[in-house]
Amino acid sequence: MAFDASSIRALSFDGDQTLWDFRAAMRRALAEAAAFLAGEGLAHETGAVSADWLAQVRDEVAGEPGFARESMERIRLESFVRAVRRCGGDRGLVAEVHDRYMRTRFGAMRLYAETAHVLEELHRGYPCVLVTNGNSDPGRLGIGGYLAHRVVAAECGFFKPDPRIYAHTARLLALPAASVLHIGDHPEEDVTAAGRAGMRTVYLDRAGRPLPPGQRADAELASLAGLPELLRRGR
């Protein structure tokens, strides 16, 4: 069935791995943080400090009920507190390694090649909104001016895959959810959750990973570059 865009009045975008490559920036920042701690002579109970180990500690923190509603930056800071402690390091190292991580992480963030051009074109015809669990600032990446709203989970209190973050977005836009199209790369957090809130959805499959059986989006794209044409074709 052809995609029908006639009722679409606004566009909602995920951030990480949709508008920008968060994973590459995070990997680089974790590698630098690990090198710094190793250079201070730190090692944990099972071996050397590595980017993979720091990621594991972070995931442990994020999975704890007490951190379920904390910001990404607060979770990352706590992960460094625990990593330094497990290595027997001085707590004074925490602030330095966290600062190094954040500087590298934000400095290494890059938009996907098509992102700025697509947003520049589409924001003229549709209010565009960022909906994210993360803490990346689109203003630092030069696209803040294309976004009518920035919905951040830690600020509004609703975290993906809670559909209420999308209901909140629709209210900000003063539009029914059915007239908002959400575009994102995550099957559950973007496609299923936005769909449950009543939004239309586009699954952005940059990695060539089809939606799991039983999940469906209104459309699927391999790149944001195809979004303007999808909307034009469906009018």
C-alpha atoms as a PDB file:
ATOM      1  CA  MET A   1       0.000   0.000   0.000  1.00  0.00           C
ATOM      2  CA  ALA A   2       1.314   3.449  -0.935  1.00  0.00           C
ATOM      3  CA  PHE A   3       2.306   5.781   1.863  1.00  0.00           C
ATOM      4  CA  ASP A   4      -0.384   8.415   2.494  1.00  0.00           C
ATOM      5  CA  ALA A   5       1.072  11.694   3.777  1.00  0.00           C
ATOM      6  CA  SER A   6      -2.026  13.813   3.226  1.00  0.00           C
ATOM      7  CA  SER A   7      -2.855  14.019   6.943  1.00  0.00           C
ATOM      8  CA  ILE A   8       0.725  14.653   8.165  1.00  0.00           C
ATOM      9  CA  ARG A   9       1.097  18.087   9.780  1.00  0.00           C
ATOM     10  CA  ALA A  10       4.349  17.730  11.762  1.00  0.00           C
ATOM     11  CA  LEU A  11       7.481  15.585  11.936  1.00  0.00           C
ATOM     12  CA  SER A  12       9.049  14.050  15.040  1.00  0.00           C
ATOM     13  CA  PHE A  13      12.648  12.809  14.893  1.00  0.00           C
ATOM     14  CA  ASP A  14      14.706  10.543  17.114  1.00  0.00           C
ATOM     15  CA  GLY A  15      18.269  11.837  17.582  1.00  0.00           C
ATOM     16  CA  ASP A  16      20.893   9.122  18.159  1.00  0.00           C
ATOM     17  CA  GLN A  17      21.541   7.035  15.029  1.00  0.00           C
ATOM     18  CA  THR A  18      18.760   8.939  13.250  1.00  0.00           C
ATOM     19  CA  LEU A  19      20.014  12.522  12.905  1.00  0.00           C
ATOM     20  CA  TRP A  20      23.577  11.959  14.128  1.00  0.00           C
ATOM     21  CA  ASP A  21      26.036   9.123  14.728  1.00  0.00           C
ATOM     22  CA  PHE A  22      26.074   8.876  18.503  1.00  0.00           C
ATOM     23  CA  ARG A  23      27.683   5.425  18.678  1.00  0.00           C
ATOM     24  CA  ALA A  24      30.863   6.459  16.869  1.00  0.00           C
ATOM     25  CA  ALA A  25      31.299   9.487  19.153  1.00  0.00           C
ATOM     26  CA  MET A  26      30.615   7.399  22.251  1.00  0.00           C
ATOM     27  CA  ARG A  27      33.116   4.703  21.242  1.00  0.00           C
ATOM     28  CA  ARG A  28      35.811   7.305  20.701  1.00  0.00           C
ATOM     29  CA  ALA A  29      35.069   8.995  24.037  1.00  0.00           C
ATOM     30  CA  LEU A  30      35.061   5.673  25.925  1.00  0.00           C
ATOM     31  CA  ALA A  31      38.373   4.696  24.352  1.00  0.00           C
ATOM     32  CA  GLU A  32      39.927   7.992  25.503  1.00  0.00           C
ATOM     33  CA  ALA A  33      38.459   7.610  29.009  1.00  0.00           C
ATOM     34  CA  ALA A  34      39.818   4.060  29.254  1.00  0.00           C
ATOM     35  CA  ALA A  35      43.260   5.159  28.063  1.00  0.00           C
ATOM     36  CA  PHE A  36      43.316   7.945  30.652  1.00  0.00           C
ATOM     37  CA  LEU A  37      42.428   5.609  33.538  1.00  0.00           C
ATOM     38  CA  ALA A  38      44.881   2.964  32.376  1.00  0.00           C
ATOM     39  CA  GLY A  39      47.543   5.662  32.140  1.00  0.00           C
ATOM     40  CA  GLU A  40      46.871   6.457  35.793  1.00  0.00           C
ATOM     41  CA  GLY A  41      47.771   2.868  36.600  1.00  0.00           C
ATOM     42  CA  LEU A  42      44.215   1.689  37.234  1.00  0.00           C
ATOM     43  CA  ALA A  43      42.976  -1.842  36.583  1.00  0.00           C
ATOM     44  CA  HIS A  44      39.842  -3.637  37.757  1.00  0.00           C
ATOM     45  CA  GLU A  45      39.418  -7.050  39.346  1.00  0.00           C
ATOM     46  CA  THR A  46      39.421  -8.991  36.078  1.00  0.00           C
ATOM     47  CA  GLY A  47      41.842  -7.012  33.964  1.00  0.00           C
ATOM     48  CA  ALA A  48      42.767  -3.753  32.297  1.00  0.00           C
ATOM     49  CA  VAL A  49      40.399  -0.827  31.964  1.00  0.00           C
ATOM     50  CA  SER A  50      38.913  -0.874  28.468  1.00  0.00           C
ATOM     51  CA  ALA A  51      36.160   0.904  26.563  1.00  0.00           C
ATOM     52  CA  ASP A  52      34.095  -2.297  26.610  1.00  0.00           C
ATOM     53  CA  TRP A  53      34.418  -2.601  30.388  1.00  0.00           C
ATOM     54  CA  LEU A  54      33.420   1.038  30.917  1.00  0.00           C
ATOM     55  CA  ALA A  55      30.391   0.454  28.680  1.00  0.00           C
ATOM     56  CA  GLN A  56      29.483  -2.584  30.764  1.00  0.00           C
ATOM     57  CA  VAL A  57      29.632  -0.586  34.002  1.00  0.00           C
ATOM     58  CA  ARG A  58      27.452   2.105  32.451  1.00  0.00           C
ATOM     59  CA  ASP A  59      24.858  -0.474  31.355  1.00  0.00           C
ATOM     60  CA  GLU A  60      24.774  -1.905  34.887  1.00  0.00           C
ATOM     61  CA  VAL A  61      23.991   1.543  36.290  1.00  0.00           C
ATOM     62  CA  ALA A  62      21.357   2.278  33.646  1.00  0.00           C
ATOM     63  CA  GLY A  63      19.645  -1.032  34.388  1.00  0.00           C
ATOM     64  CA  GLU A  64      19.123  -0.297  38.076  1.00  0.00           C
ATOM     65  CA  PRO A  65      15.608   0.841  39.100  1.00  0.00           C
ATOM     66  CA  GLY A  66      17.020   3.829  40.971  1.00  0.00           C
ATOM     67  CA  PHE A  67      18.443   5.255  37.744  1.00  0.00           C
ATOM     68  CA  ALA A  68      15.455   4.509  35.499  1.00  0.00           C
ATOM     69  CA  ARG A  69      14.423   8.164  35.367  1.00  0.00           C
ATOM     70  CA  GLU A  70      17.852   9.792  35.556  1.00  0.00           C
ATOM     71  CA  SER A  71      19.469  11.736  32.734  1.00  0.00           C
ATOM     72  CA  MET A  72      22.057  10.073  30.508  1.00  0.00           C
ATOM     73  CA  GLU A  73      24.743  12.389  31.877  1.00  0.00           C
ATOM     74  CA  ARG A  74      23.898  11.473  35.494  1.00  0.00           C
ATOM     75  CA  ILE A  75      24.091   7.768  34.604  1.00  0.00           C
ATOM     76  CA  ARG A  76      27.439   8.252  32.862  1.00  0.00           C
ATOM     77  CA  LEU A  77      28.868  10.142  35.842  1.00  0.00           C
ATOM     78  CA  GLU A  78      27.777   7.401  38.252  1.00  0.00           C
ATOM     79  CA  SER A  79      29.358   4.793  35.983  1.00  0.00           C
ATOM     80  CA  PHE A  80      32.709   6.587  36.274  1.00  0.00           C
ATOM     81  CA  VAL A  81      32.304   6.823  40.058  1.00  0.00           C
ATOM     82  CA  ARG A  82      31.865   3.056  40.205  1.00  0.00           C
ATOM     83  CA  ALA A  83      34.592   2.286  37.684  1.00  0.00           C
ATOM     84  CA  VAL A  84      37.184   4.324  39.582  1.00  0.00           C
ATOM     85  CA  ARG A  85      36.089   2.786  42.883  1.00  0.00           C
ATOM     86  CA  ARG A  86      36.328  -0.774  41.543  1.00  0.00           C
ATOM     87  CA  CYS A  87      39.829  -0.004  40.349  1.00  0.00           C
ATOM     88  CA  GLY A  88      40.839   1.332  43.749  1.00  0.00           C
ATOM     89  CA  GLY A  89      41.453   4.767  42.319  1.00  0.00           C
ATOM     90  CA  ASP A  90      41.223   8.143  43.972  1.00  0.00           C
ATOM     91  CA  ARG A  91      37.756   9.698  43.710  1.00  0.00           C
ATOM     92  CA  GLY A  92      39.411  12.853  42.450  1.00  0.00           C
ATOM     93  CA  LEU A  93      39.918  11.080  39.118  1.00  0.00           C
ATOM     94  CA  VAL A  94      36.166  10.874  38.531  1.00  0.00           C
ATOM     95  CA  ALA A  95      35.661  14.529  37.622  1.00  0.00           C
ATOM     96  CA  GLU A  96      38.641  14.486  35.270  1.00  0.00           C
ATOM     97  CA  VAL A  97      37.705  11.310  33.420  1.00  0.00           C
ATOM     98  CA  HIS A  98      34.073  12.446  33.142  1.00  0.00           C
ATOM     99  CA  ASP A  99      35.153  15.821  31.774  1.00  0.00           C
ATOM    100  CA  ARG A 100      37.469  14.161  29.253  1.00  0.00           C
ATOM    101  CA  TYR A 101      34.705  11.798  28.171  1.00  0.00           C
ATOM    102  CA  MET A 102      32.130  14.558  27.696  1.00  0.00           C
ATOM    103  CA  ARG A 103      34.526  16.852  25.808  1.00  0.00           C
ATOM    104  CA  THR A 104      35.467  14.073  23.419  1.00  0.00           C
ATOM    105  CA  ARG A 105      31.936  12.775  23.081  1.00  0.00           C
ATOM    106  CA  PHE A 106      30.455  16.158  22.142  1.00  0.00           C
ATOM    107  CA  GLY A 107      33.452  17.094  20.023  1.00  0.00           C
ATOM    108  CA  ALA A 108      33.266  13.862  18.019  1.00  0.00           C
ATOM    109  CA  MET A 109      29.517  14.058  17.315  1.00  0.00           C
ATOM    110  CA  ARG A 110      28.735  14.257  13.603  1.00  0.00           C
ATOM    111  CA  LEU A 111      25.475  14.617  11.728  1.00  0.00           C
ATOM    112  CA  TYR A 112      24.768  12.079   9.045  1.00  0.00           C
ATOM    113  CA  ALA A 113      25.621  13.568   5.660  1.00  0.00           C
ATOM    114  CA  GLU A 114      22.020  14.196   4.627  1.00  0.00           C
ATOM    115  CA  THR A 115      20.601  15.402   7.961  1.00  0.00           C
ATOM    116  CA  ALA A 116      21.068  19.174   7.721  1.00  0.00           C
ATOM    117  CA  HIS A 117      19.864  19.349   4.124  1.00  0.00           C
ATOM    118  CA  VAL A 118      16.746  17.279   4.842  1.00  0.00           C
ATOM    119  CA  LEU A 119      15.806  19.279   7.944  1.00  0.00           C
ATOM    120  CA  GLU A 120      16.449  22.560   6.153  1.00  0.00           C
ATOM    121  CA  GLU A 121      14.013  21.517   3.421  1.00  0.00           C
ATOM    122  CA  LEU A 122      11.329  19.927   5.589  1.00  0.00           C
ATOM    123  CA  HIS A 123      11.109  22.501   8.377  1.00  0.00           C
ATOM    124  CA  ARG A 124       9.714  24.976   5.847  1.00  0.00           C
ATOM    125  CA  GLY A 125       6.609  22.844   5.420  1.00  0.00           C
ATOM    126  CA  TYR A 126       6.329  21.002   8.720  1.00  0.00           C
ATOM    127  CA  PRO A 127       7.080  21.820  12.354  1.00  0.00           C
ATOM    128  CA  CYS A 128       9.958  19.479  13.237  1.00  0.00           C
ATOM    129  CA  VAL A 129      10.589  18.142  16.746  1.00  0.00           C
ATOM    130  CA  LEU A 130      13.415  16.180  18.366  1.00  0.00           C
ATOM    131  CA  VAL A 131      12.260  13.426  20.761  1.00  0.00           C
ATOM    132  CA  THR A 132      15.146  11.841  22.654  1.00  0.00           C
ATOM    133  CA  ASN A 133      16.196   9.913  25.733  1.00  0.00           C
ATOM    134  CA  GLY A 134      19.688  11.333  25.272  1.00  0.00           C
ATOM    135  CA  ASN A 135      21.452  14.595  26.077  1.00  0.00           C
ATOM    136  CA  SER A 136      22.923  15.633  22.734  1.00  0.00           C
ATOM    137  CA  ASP A 137      22.342  19.288  21.887  1.00  0.00           C
ATOM    138  CA  PRO A 138      21.218  19.850  18.280  1.00  0.00           C
ATOM    139  CA  GLY A 139      22.309  23.468  18.606  1.00  0.00           C
ATOM    140  CA  ARG A 140      25.935  22.358  18.861  1.00  0.00           C
ATOM    141  CA  LEU A 141      25.474  20.480  15.614  1.00  0.00           C
ATOM    142  CA  GLY A 142      24.016  23.435  13.746  1.00  0.00           C
ATOM    143  CA  ILE A 143      20.439  22.164  13.386  1.00  0.00           C
ATOM    144  CA  GLY A 144      18.743  23.755  16.397  1.00  0.00           C
ATOM    145  CA  GLY A 145      17.096  26.371  14.203  1.00  0.00           C
ATOM    146  CA  TYR A 146      15.202  23.719  12.278  1.00  0.00           C
ATOM    147  CA  LEU A 147      13.473  22.318  15.368  1.00  0.00           C
ATOM    148  CA  ALA A 148      10.287  23.805  16.795  1.00  0.00           C
ATOM    149  CA  HIS A 149      10.639  21.790  20.024  1.00  0.00           C
ATOM    150  CA  ARG A 150      13.207  19.596  21.753  1.00  0.00           C
ATOM    151  CA  VAL A 151      11.551  16.895  23.891  1.00  0.00           C
ATOM    152  CA  VAL A 152      14.099  15.402  26.297  1.00  0.00           C
ATOM    153  CA  ALA A 153      13.057  12.430  28.442  1.00  0.00           C
ATOM    154  CA  ALA A 154      14.883  13.590  31.571  1.00  0.00           C
ATOM    155  CA  GLU A 155      13.112  16.953  31.353  1.00  0.00           C
ATOM    156  CA  CYS A 156       9.552  15.869  30.563  1.00  0.00           C
ATOM    157  CA  GLY A 157       9.647  12.761  32.779  1.00  0.00           C
ATOM    158  CA  PHE A 158       8.661  10.235  30.102  1.00  0.00           C
ATOM    159  CA  PHE A 159      11.331   7.890  28.737  1.00  0.00           C
ATOM    160  CA  LYS A 160      11.113   5.855  25.543  1.00  0.00           C
ATOM    161  CA  PRO A 161       9.567   3.331  25.032  1.00  0.00           C
ATOM    162  CA  ASP A 162       6.841   4.953  27.147  1.00  0.00           C
ATOM    163  CA  PRO A 163       4.251   6.155  24.592  1.00  0.00           C
ATOM    164  CA  ARG A 164       3.519   9.137  26.835  1.00  0.00           C
ATOM    165  CA  ILE A 165       6.641  10.909  25.555  1.00  0.00           C
ATOM    166  CA  TYR A 166       4.978  10.957  22.132  1.00  0.00           C
ATOM    167  CA  ALA A 167       1.600  12.032  23.520  1.00  0.00           C
ATOM    168  CA  HIS A 168       3.472  14.879  25.256  1.00  0.00           C
ATOM    169  CA  THR A 169       5.076  15.802  21.921  1.00  0.00           C
ATOM    170  CA  ALA A 170       1.708  15.953  20.172  1.00  0.00           C
ATOM    171  CA  ARG A 171       0.377  18.234  22.913  1.00  0.00           C
ATOM    172  CA  LEU A 172       3.339  20.584  22.476  1.00  0.00           C
ATOM    173  CA  LEU A 173       2.534  20.758  18.785  1.00  0.00           C
ATOM    174  CA  ALA A 174      -1.187  21.278  19.536  1.00  0.00           C
ATOM    175  CA  LEU A 175      -1.951  18.513  17.047  1.00  0.00           C
ATOM    176  CA  PRO A 176      -3.653  15.124  17.212  1.00  0.00           C
ATOM    177  CA  ALA A 177      -1.044  12.364  17.410  1.00  0.00           C
ATOM    178  CA  ALA A 178      -2.358  10.839  14.154  1.00  0.00           C
ATOM    179  CA  SER A 179      -1.185  13.921  12.236  1.00  0.00           C
ATOM    180  CA  VAL A 180       2.430  13.581  13.469  1.00  0.00           C
ATOM    181  CA  LEU A 181       4.948  11.348  11.676  1.00  0.00           C
ATOM    182  CA  HIS A 182       7.761   9.990  13.852  1.00  0.00           C
ATOM    183  CA  ILE A 183      11.040   8.921  12.258  1.00  0.00           C
ATOM    184  CA  GLY A 184      13.512   6.753  14.166  1.00  0.00           C
ATOM    185  CA  ASP A 185      15.880   3.798  14.048  1.00  0.00           C
ATOM    186  CA  HIS A 186      14.724   1.747  17.056  1.00  0.00           C
ATOM    187  CA  PRO A 187      11.971  -0.860  16.521  1.00  0.00           C
ATOM    188  CA  GLU A 188      10.583  -0.632  20.051  1.00  0.00           C
ATOM    189  CA  GLU A 189      11.470   2.871  21.257  1.00  0.00           C
ATOM    190  CA  ASP A 190      10.554   4.609  18.013  1.00  0.00           C
ATOM    191  CA  VAL A 191       8.259   2.490  15.868  1.00  0.00           C
ATOM    192  CA  THR A 192       6.177   0.600  18.434  1.00  0.00           C
ATOM    193  CA  ALA A 193       6.067   3.307  21.133  1.00  0.00           C
ATOM    194  CA  ALA A 194       5.162   6.148  18.759  1.00  0.00           C
ATOM    195  CA  GLY A 195       2.581   3.923  17.090  1.00  0.00           C
ATOM    196  CA  ARG A 196       0.971   3.160  20.445  1.00  0.00           C
ATOM    197  CA  ALA A 197       0.642   6.878  21.048  1.00  0.00           C
ATOM    198  CA  GLY A 198      -1.265   7.136  17.765  1.00  0.00           C
ATOM    199  CA  MET A 199       1.502   8.601  15.584  1.00  0.00           C
ATOM    200  CA  ARG A 200       2.399   7.456  12.094  1.00  0.00           C
ATOM    201  CA  THR A 201       5.916   6.028  11.891  1.00  0.00           C
ATOM    202  CA  VAL A 202       8.912   5.663   9.577  1.00  0.00           C
ATOM    203  CA  TYR A 203      11.508   3.045  10.461  1.00  0.00           C
ATOM    204  CA  LEU A 204      14.992   4.293   9.548  1.00  0.00           C
ATOM    205  CA  ASP A 205      16.992   1.172   8.804  1.00  0.00           C
ATOM    206  CA  ARG A 206      20.538   2.437   8.269  1.00  0.00           C
ATOM    207  CA  ALA A 207      22.092  -0.866   9.412  1.00  0.00           C
ATOM    208  CA  GLY A 208      20.072  -3.239   7.227  1.00  0.00           C
ATOM    209  CA  ARG A 209      18.189  -4.781  10.156  1.00  0.00           C
ATOM    210  CA  PRO A 210      14.541  -5.459   9.259  1.00  0.00           C
ATOM    211  CA  LEU A 211      11.834  -4.912  11.825  1.00  0.00           C
ATOM    212  CA  PRO A 212      11.154  -7.991  13.965  1.00  0.00           C
ATOM    213  CA  PRO A 213       8.162 -10.144  13.002  1.00  0.00           C
ATOM    214  CA  GLY A 214       4.916  -8.586  14.148  1.00  0.00           C
ATOM    215  CA  GLN A 215       6.240  -5.022  14.119  1.00  0.00           C
ATOM    216  CA  ARG A 216       5.407  -2.682  11.298  1.00  0.00           C
ATOM    217  CA  ALA A 217       5.915   0.940  10.386  1.00  0.00           C
ATOM    218  CA  ASP A 218       3.977   3.027   7.889  1.00  0.00           C
ATOM    219  CA  ALA A 219       7.146   3.277   5.808  1.00  0.00           C
ATOM    220  CA  GLU A 220      10.780   2.181   5.911  1.00  0.00           C
ATOM    221  CA  LEU A 221      13.831   4.099   4.675  1.00  0.00           C
ATOM    222  CA  ALA A 222      17.560   3.364   4.555  1.00  0.00           C
ATOM    223  CA  SER A 223      18.449   7.062   4.791  1.00  0.00           C
ATOM    224  CA  LEU A 224      16.792  10.330   5.736  1.00  0.00           C
ATOM    225  CA  ALA A 225      17.545  11.452   2.198  1.00  0.00           C
ATOM    226  CA  GLY A 226      14.427   9.609   1.022  1.00  0.00           C
ATOM    227  CA  LEU A 227      12.064  11.354   3.469  1.00  0.00           C
ATOM    228  CA  PRO A 228      11.229  14.492   1.440  1.00  0.00           C
ATOM    229  CA  GLU A 229      10.308  12.401  -1.588  1.00  0.00           C
ATOM    230  CA  LEU A 230       8.271   9.991   0.548  1.00  0.00           C
ATOM    231  CA  LEU A 231       6.239  12.929   1.837  1.00  0.00           C
ATOM    232  CA  ARG A 232       5.875  14.520  -1.598  1.00  0.00           C
ATOM    233  CA  ARG A 233       4.765  11.246  -3.185  1.00  0.00           C
ATOM    234  CA  GLY A 234       2.187  10.686  -0.489  1.00  0.00           C
ATOM    235  CA  ARG A 235       0.479  14.081  -0.707  1.00  0.00           C
END
